[in-house]
Amino acid sequence: MIICAVLSGRLTFPFRFNGGGQIHCLRQVNYIPLLLQPNLSMRIEYPLRLIESYLNRRSGVLWALEDRAFNQLELRHVLDAQNGLLLRRRKNPSTWRPSELEQLADALSMPSDAILDLHKLAPWLNCLPDSMRSQLFKESQFDRSKFRVRASNPDAWQYNELQRLAGTLRRWQDCHKMDTLLVHTEHLKA
């Protein structure tokens, strides 16, 4: 059985318990919420909530940016970016990076906690069983090399990748709820 535990409030480690009660550390990661015998719904629900919170906050920041109508000079000052980059971001909103959205949220006096929490996604996904993670990546058209890049640099997450991951997790969540309902219904019939 693998569990993840929080140590000193900052670092977590996946552990494996053997039959004799000894603990073996499998690998060190930056952050994983406390999990004691996680069930399937929790494995799906937490990363889905992280992604959906990020996507909602991202939409809010971009709407507020359009509403406030920063001029190019103000945006250059807030983001410390060149005009060409800002024009590309405005033409194609899916190219905004999480760190840029965080800076915009701060400049617009909006909460940026959901954007900051995106760094928790890769360690959480890394703690999933290999078969489950492989299936998630396959259904989301996401590969391990991209995951390694996103795990080392949370600012590299792309909008379309997060949408595909969220879509797959939502489908899994719906299937799990349906399976639970069917099991419960069968139990009531017996």
Foldseek 3Di string as FASTA:
>chain_A
DWWWADDPNWWIFIWDADPVRDIDTDDTAGDDPGGDPDDPLVLLVVLLVLLVLQVVLLVVLVVVCVVVVDDQVVLCVQQVDDPVVVVVCVVPVQPDFLVSSLSSCVVSVHDSVSSVCLLNNLVSLVPDPPVVSVVLCVQLVHDPVVSVVCNVPVRPDTPSSSVSSSVSSVVVNVVVVVVVVVVVVVVVVD
